[in-house]
Amino acid sequence: MAKSLQVEFHGVRGSIAAPGVATAEVGGNTSCIEVVAGDTRIVLDAGTGLRNVGDRLVKAGPSETHILLSHVHWDHIQGFPFFVPLYVPGHRVNVMSGPNGLMSLEDVLRKQMSPPVFPVALDSVRRQLTIRDLQDGERFRLGDARVTVGKLNHPDPVYAYRIDYGGRSIVYATDTEHFSVVDPSLAKLCADADVLIYDAMYTPEEYPSKVGWGHSTYEAGIDLVRAAGVKKLVLFHHDPARSDEEVRAMEDRARAVHQDTVAAREGLRIELVARSRRTSLAGEEVRAA
């Protein structure tokens, strides 16, 4: 069976978790996406959705997980101390992010896991954990996957990631604000990608009062996919106040302009079959049961 690049969404909200009846369909967990590239597991951001990933991995036995953090705002790291593989010998957890301008990634995680806000110190899990600081523009391999880092437009430093595997590619670009024109650096990072996961926290009507807050709209995402030749657009980082009905309405508006658009929901899976020299198969979108 051909290997594939698989993407599963475990947390799709921005700013703060938003559980409740009005958000149950889309989900209320904060940013967390699991990417499996062949035999390599990469997790994009460690929001509250990370807890469920960890619970599943521990049940399955020893594992290695690479966590790429876009940045270290609370909604992107809240799940990290509750990622059970950190505490279980035999598991490996490798955490990476670009510079935040104030302190190393290790110092950030150490502060997060320290009294009086958390009872377990980072040093107690160091046997299972490695921490690596990345740089803007850096390219490296994680297993068979190639990762490229790109800086985004946000009040605090934020980084996008492009993951390439088997002739397929996804780009994760959340917590970024669009310019009056398409960001040329981001367009270059996204060039000819199969999937772009993009910050669509605001509607076009809301955005004028949110300029400078570091978030974007579905319209800017459509401009970007068209400029970069991306196939599928995934609207991500939903406002915590956005109801399921409102997310569906935004999705419909976006699809009327770019048909291959979907709003991220917890449980959404996208599978891109790896290309060989003789085959070129289209990706298949699957909704979890």
Protein backbone atom coordinates (compact mmCIF):
# COMPACT_ATOMS: atom_id res chain seq x y z
CA MET A 1 0.00 0.00 0.00
CA ALA A 2 1.33 3.42 -0.93
CA LYS A 3 2.30 5.61 1.99
CA SER A 4 0.60 8.94 2.44
CA LEU A 5 0.74 12.36 4.04
CA GLN A 6 -2.11 12.36 6.55
CA VAL A 7 -3.48 15.37 8.41
CA GLU A 8 -5.91 15.19 11.33
CA PHE A 9 -7.32 18.16 13.24
CA HIS A 10 -7.55 17.90 17.04
CA GLY A 11 -7.97 21.59 17.94
CA VAL A 12 -9.14 24.39 15.63
CA ARG A 13 -9.94 27.38 17.90
CA GLY A 14 -7.87 30.47 18.56
CA SER A 15 -7.20 32.45 21.73
CA ILE A 16 -8.97 30.24 24.28
CA ALA A 17 -10.78 26.91 24.37
CA ALA A 18 -14.50 27.25 23.64
CA PRO A 19 -16.47 24.17 24.72
CA GLY A 20 -20.24 24.28 24.62
CA VAL A 21 -23.40 23.42 22.75
CA ALA A 22 -22.88 26.18 20.16
CA THR A 23 -19.37 24.94 19.24
CA ALA A 24 -19.77 21.15 19.56
CA GLU A 25 -19.76 20.44 15.82
CA VAL A 26 -16.60 22.38 14.97
CA GLY A 27 -14.99 21.71 18.34
CA GLY A 28 -13.72 23.90 21.14
CA ASN A 29 -10.08 22.84 21.58
CA THR A 30 -7.24 25.21 20.72
CA SER A 31 -4.71 24.70 17.94
CA CYS A 32 -3.39 21.18 17.41
CA ILE A 33 -2.93 19.28 14.13
CA GLU A 34 -1.40 15.82 13.76
CA VAL A 35 0.53 15.09 10.57
CA VAL A 36 1.76 11.59 9.73
CA ALA A 37 4.30 11.46 6.92
CA GLY A 38 4.98 7.78 6.26
CA ASP A 39 6.32 6.59 9.61
CA THR A 40 6.98 10.08 11.02
CA ARG A 41 4.54 11.85 13.36
CA ILE A 42 4.62 15.66 13.43
CA VAL A 43 2.26 17.70 15.59
CA LEU A 44 1.64 21.32 14.69
CA ASP A 45 1.05 23.33 17.87
CA ALA A 46 0.33 22.07 21.36
CA GLY A 47 -3.04 23.59 22.19
CA THR A 48 -5.63 21.81 24.30
CA GLY A 49 -6.30 19.36 21.45
CA LEU A 50 -2.92 17.76 22.17
CA ARG A 51 -4.22 15.94 25.23
CA ASN A 52 -6.34 13.52 23.19
CA VAL A 53 -3.40 12.78 20.89
CA GLY A 54 -1.23 11.84 23.85
CA ASP A 55 -3.85 9.62 25.44
CA ARG A 56 -4.16 7.63 22.20
CA LEU A 57 -0.40 7.31 21.71
CA VAL A 58 0.22 5.98 25.21
CA LYS A 59 -2.37 3.25 24.70
CA ALA A 60 -0.63 2.20 21.47
CA GLY A 61 2.84 1.81 22.99
CA PRO A 62 6.21 3.60 22.68
CA SER A 63 6.25 6.40 20.12
CA GLU A 64 8.21 9.40 18.87
CA THR A 65 6.45 12.70 18.30
CA HIS A 66 7.88 15.89 16.82
CA ILE A 67 6.01 19.02 17.96
CA LEU A 68 6.44 22.18 15.87
CA LEU A 69 5.17 25.28 17.67
CA SER A 70 4.09 28.26 15.58
CA HIS A 71 4.69 30.43 18.67
CA VAL A 72 4.28 30.27 22.43
CA HIS A 73 1.06 32.16 23.12
CA TRP A 74 -1.07 30.29 25.65
CA ASP A 75 -3.55 28.82 23.18
CA HIS A 76 -0.69 27.10 21.31
CA ILE A 77 1.04 25.52 24.32
CA GLN A 78 -1.76 24.85 26.83
CA GLY A 79 -1.87 21.15 26.03
CA PHE A 80 1.87 20.53 26.39
CA PRO A 81 1.96 19.76 30.14
CA PHE A 82 -0.97 17.37 29.65
CA PHE A 83 0.69 15.36 26.84
CA VAL A 84 0.98 12.02 28.62
CA PRO A 85 3.92 10.61 26.54
CA LEU A 86 6.10 13.20 28.28
CA TYR A 87 5.75 11.22 31.49
CA VAL A 88 6.08 7.66 30.16
CA PRO A 89 9.54 6.07 29.67
CA GLY A 90 10.00 4.69 26.15
CA HIS A 91 8.30 7.62 24.45
CA ARG A 92 10.24 10.44 22.76
CA VAL A 93 8.92 14.00 22.42
CA ASN A 94 10.90 16.53 20.37
CA VAL A 95 9.67 20.15 20.62
CA MET A 96 10.79 22.90 18.22
CA SER A 97 9.99 26.53 17.49
CA GLY A 98 11.53 29.67 16.05
CA PRO A 99 12.92 32.48 18.24
CA ASN A 100 10.43 34.55 20.24
CA GLY A 101 12.80 37.46 20.86
CA LEU A 102 12.84 37.13 24.66
CA MET A 103 14.04 33.71 25.77
CA SER A 104 14.87 30.20 24.58
CA LEU A 105 12.10 27.70 23.96
CA GLU A 106 13.38 25.65 26.89
CA ASP A 107 13.03 28.65 29.21
CA VAL A 108 9.45 29.19 28.01
CA LEU A 109 8.47 25.58 28.69
CA ARG A 110 10.30 25.63 32.02
CA LYS A 111 8.32 28.69 33.12
CA GLN A 112 5.08 27.08 31.98
CA MET A 113 5.77 23.93 34.02
CA SER A 114 6.72 25.56 37.31
CA PRO A 115 5.02 26.44 40.61
CA PRO A 116 2.61 27.94 41.36
CA VAL A 117 0.93 27.43 37.96
CA PHE A 118 1.85 23.76 37.41
CA PRO A 119 2.90 21.05 39.87
CA VAL A 120 5.36 19.05 37.70
CA ALA A 121 8.72 20.56 36.76
CA LEU A 122 10.14 20.31 33.24
CA ASP A 123 13.30 18.64 34.54
CA SER A 124 11.26 15.65 35.68
CA VAL A 125 10.42 14.76 32.04
CA ARG A 126 13.77 15.55 30.39
CA ARG A 127 14.53 11.86 29.79
CA GLN A 128 11.67 11.73 27.30
CA LEU A 129 12.12 15.27 25.95
CA THR A 130 14.37 17.17 23.56
CA ILE A 131 14.00 20.88 22.80
CA ARG A 132 15.34 22.66 19.73
CA ASP A 133 15.34 26.30 18.70
CA LEU A 134 14.77 26.86 14.97
CA GLN A 135 15.56 29.79 12.67
CA ASP A 136 13.55 31.60 10.03
CA GLY A 137 14.18 29.98 6.65
CA GLU A 138 15.67 26.83 8.16
CA ARG A 139 15.18 23.56 6.26
CA PHE A 140 15.60 20.18 7.87
CA ARG A 141 14.39 16.59 7.85
CA LEU A 142 12.18 14.80 10.33
CA GLY A 143 12.29 11.16 9.27
CA ASP A 144 11.34 11.10 5.60
CA ALA A 145 9.61 14.50 5.76
CA ARG A 146 11.21 17.79 4.80
CA VAL A 147 10.31 20.84 6.90
CA THR A 148 10.79 24.49 5.92
CA VAL A 149 10.32 27.34 8.40
CA GLY A 150 8.96 30.77 7.44
CA LYS A 151 8.29 33.89 9.54
CA LEU A 152 4.78 35.33 9.62
CA ASN A 153 3.21 38.73 10.35
CA HIS A 154 2.10 38.93 14.00
CA PRO A 155 2.71 41.25 16.99
CA ASP A 156 4.89 38.53 18.56
CA PRO A 157 7.14 36.30 16.41
CA VAL A 158 5.21 33.49 14.71
CA TYR A 159 6.39 30.84 12.25
CA ALA A 160 4.79 28.91 9.42
CA TYR A 161 5.81 25.37 8.50
CA ARG A 162 5.83 23.63 5.16
CA ILE A 163 5.97 19.82 5.30
CA ASP A 164 6.91 17.90 2.15
CA TYR A 165 6.66 14.14 1.85
CA GLY A 166 6.32 11.78 -1.10
CA GLY A 167 5.73 14.57 -3.61
CA ARG A 168 2.95 16.03 -1.42
CA SER A 169 3.01 19.16 0.72
CA ILE A 170 1.06 21.06 3.33
CA VAL A 171 1.65 24.53 4.77
CA TYR A 172 0.56 25.57 8.26
CA ALA A 173 0.22 29.34 8.56
CA THR A 174 -1.79 30.43 11.56
CA ASP A 175 -1.71 33.66 13.59
CA THR A 176 -0.68 35.76 10.65
CA GLU A 177 -2.06 39.01 9.28
CA HIS A 178 -2.32 39.73 5.60
CA PHE A 179 -0.84 42.79 3.93
CA SER A 180 -2.58 45.01 1.37
CA VAL A 181 -1.07 42.57 -1.14
CA VAL A 182 -0.24 38.87 -0.85
CA ASP A 183 2.75 38.35 1.45
CA PRO A 184 5.50 37.42 -1.04
CA SER A 185 7.49 35.41 1.51
CA LEU A 186 4.48 33.34 2.49
CA ALA A 187 3.47 32.88 -1.15
CA LYS A 188 6.95 31.50 -1.84
CA LEU A 189 6.67 29.09 1.07
CA CYS A 190 3.26 27.94 -0.18
CA ALA A 191 4.21 27.57 -3.86
CA ASP A 192 2.33 24.64 -5.46
CA ALA A 193 1.41 23.10 -2.09
CA ASP A 194 -1.46 20.64 -1.92
CA VAL A 195 -2.99 22.11 1.24
CA LEU A 196 -2.78 25.47 3.03
CA ILE A 197 -4.05 25.62 6.62
CA TYR A 198 -4.61 29.34 7.11
CA ASP A 199 -5.71 31.72 9.85
CA ALA A 200 -9.28 32.85 9.13
CA MET A 201 -10.20 34.18 12.54
CA TYR A 202 -12.13 37.19 11.24
CA THR A 203 -14.72 37.85 8.59
CA PRO A 204 -13.94 40.58 6.04
CA GLU A 205 -16.46 42.79 7.86
CA GLU A 206 -14.77 42.28 11.25
CA TYR A 207 -11.19 42.72 10.07
CA PRO A 208 -11.06 46.57 9.75
CA SER A 209 -11.52 46.91 13.53
CA LYS A 210 -8.89 44.21 14.19
CA VAL A 211 -5.98 45.53 12.10
CA GLY A 212 -2.70 44.93 13.89
CA TRP A 213 -4.01 42.02 15.99
CA GLY A 214 -2.15 39.44 13.87
CA HIS A 215 -5.01 37.47 12.32
CA SER A 216 -6.56 37.17 8.89
CA THR A 217 -9.66 36.36 6.81
CA TYR A 218 -10.83 33.75 4.34
CA GLU A 219 -10.60 36.35 1.56
CA ALA A 220 -6.89 36.81 2.20
CA GLY A 221 -6.49 33.03 2.28
CA ILE A 222 -8.13 32.74 -1.14
CA ASP A 223 -5.87 35.47 -2.53
CA LEU A 224 -2.88 33.54 -1.19
CA VAL A 225 -3.84 30.12 -2.60
CA ARG A 226 -4.48 31.65 -6.00
CA ALA A 227 -1.17 33.53 -6.03
CA ALA A 228 0.80 30.50 -4.84
CA GLY A 229 -0.96 27.80 -6.86
CA VAL A 230 -2.23 25.93 -3.79
CA LYS A 231 -5.01 23.40 -4.30
CA LYS A 232 -6.97 23.16 -1.03
CA LEU A 233 -7.59 25.91 1.52
CA VAL A 234 -8.42 24.99 5.12
CA LEU A 235 -9.87 27.81 7.25
CA PHE A 236 -8.36 27.58 10.74
CA HIS A 237 -7.99 29.30 14.13
CA HIS A 238 -11.69 30.08 14.47
CA ASP A 239 -12.69 32.86 16.83
CA PRO A 240 -13.77 31.27 20.15
CA ALA A 241 -17.06 33.21 19.92
CA ARG A 242 -17.81 31.82 16.43
CA SER A 243 -20.69 29.33 16.58
CA ASP A 244 -20.92 26.21 14.44
CA GLU A 245 -23.55 27.92 12.32
CA GLU A 246 -21.32 30.95 11.79
CA VAL A 247 -18.35 28.76 10.83
CA ARG A 248 -20.53 26.98 8.26
CA ALA A 249 -21.64 30.35 6.87
CA MET A 250 -18.01 31.47 6.51
CA GLU A 251 -17.16 28.19 4.81
CA ASP A 252 -20.03 28.67 2.33
CA ARG A 253 -18.90 32.22 1.52
CA ALA A 254 -15.35 31.02 0.89
CA ARG A 255 -16.45 28.06 -1.25
CA ALA A 256 -18.46 30.38 -3.47
CA VAL A 257 -15.14 31.97 -4.46
CA HIS A 258 -12.71 29.03 -4.13
CA GLN A 259 -14.57 25.72 -4.26
CA ASP A 260 -11.81 23.60 -2.76
CA THR A 261 -12.15 25.20 0.69
CA VAL A 262 -13.10 23.58 3.98
CA ALA A 263 -13.44 24.95 7.50
CA ALA A 264 -11.29 23.03 9.99
CA ARG A 265 -13.24 20.89 12.44
CA GLU A 266 -12.07 18.52 15.12
CA GLY A 267 -11.89 15.07 13.54
CA LEU A 268 -11.39 16.36 10.00
CA ARG A 269 -8.85 14.20 8.18
CA ILE A 270 -7.11 14.88 4.90
CA GLU A 271 -5.05 12.17 3.22
CA LEU A 272 -2.66 12.83 0.34
CA VAL A 273 -1.37 9.66 -1.27
CA ALA A 274 2.37 9.83 -1.92
CA ARG A 275 3.26 10.16 -5.57
CA SER A 276 5.52 7.65 -7.27
CA ARG A 277 7.18 7.95 -10.67
CA ARG A 278 4.21 6.20 -12.27
CA THR A 279 1.23 7.54 -10.35
CA SER A 280 -0.19 10.89 -9.35
CA LEU A 281 -3.25 10.48 -7.18
CA ALA A 282 -5.52 13.24 -5.91
CA GLY A 283 -5.89 13.81 -2.18
CA GLU A 284 -8.99 12.52 -0.43
CA GLU A 285 -10.80 14.45 2.29
CA VAL A 286 -12.38 12.28 5.00
CA ARG A 287 -14.69 13.32 7.81
CA ALA A 288 -14.25 11.35 11.02
CA ALA A 289 -17.19 9.32 12.23
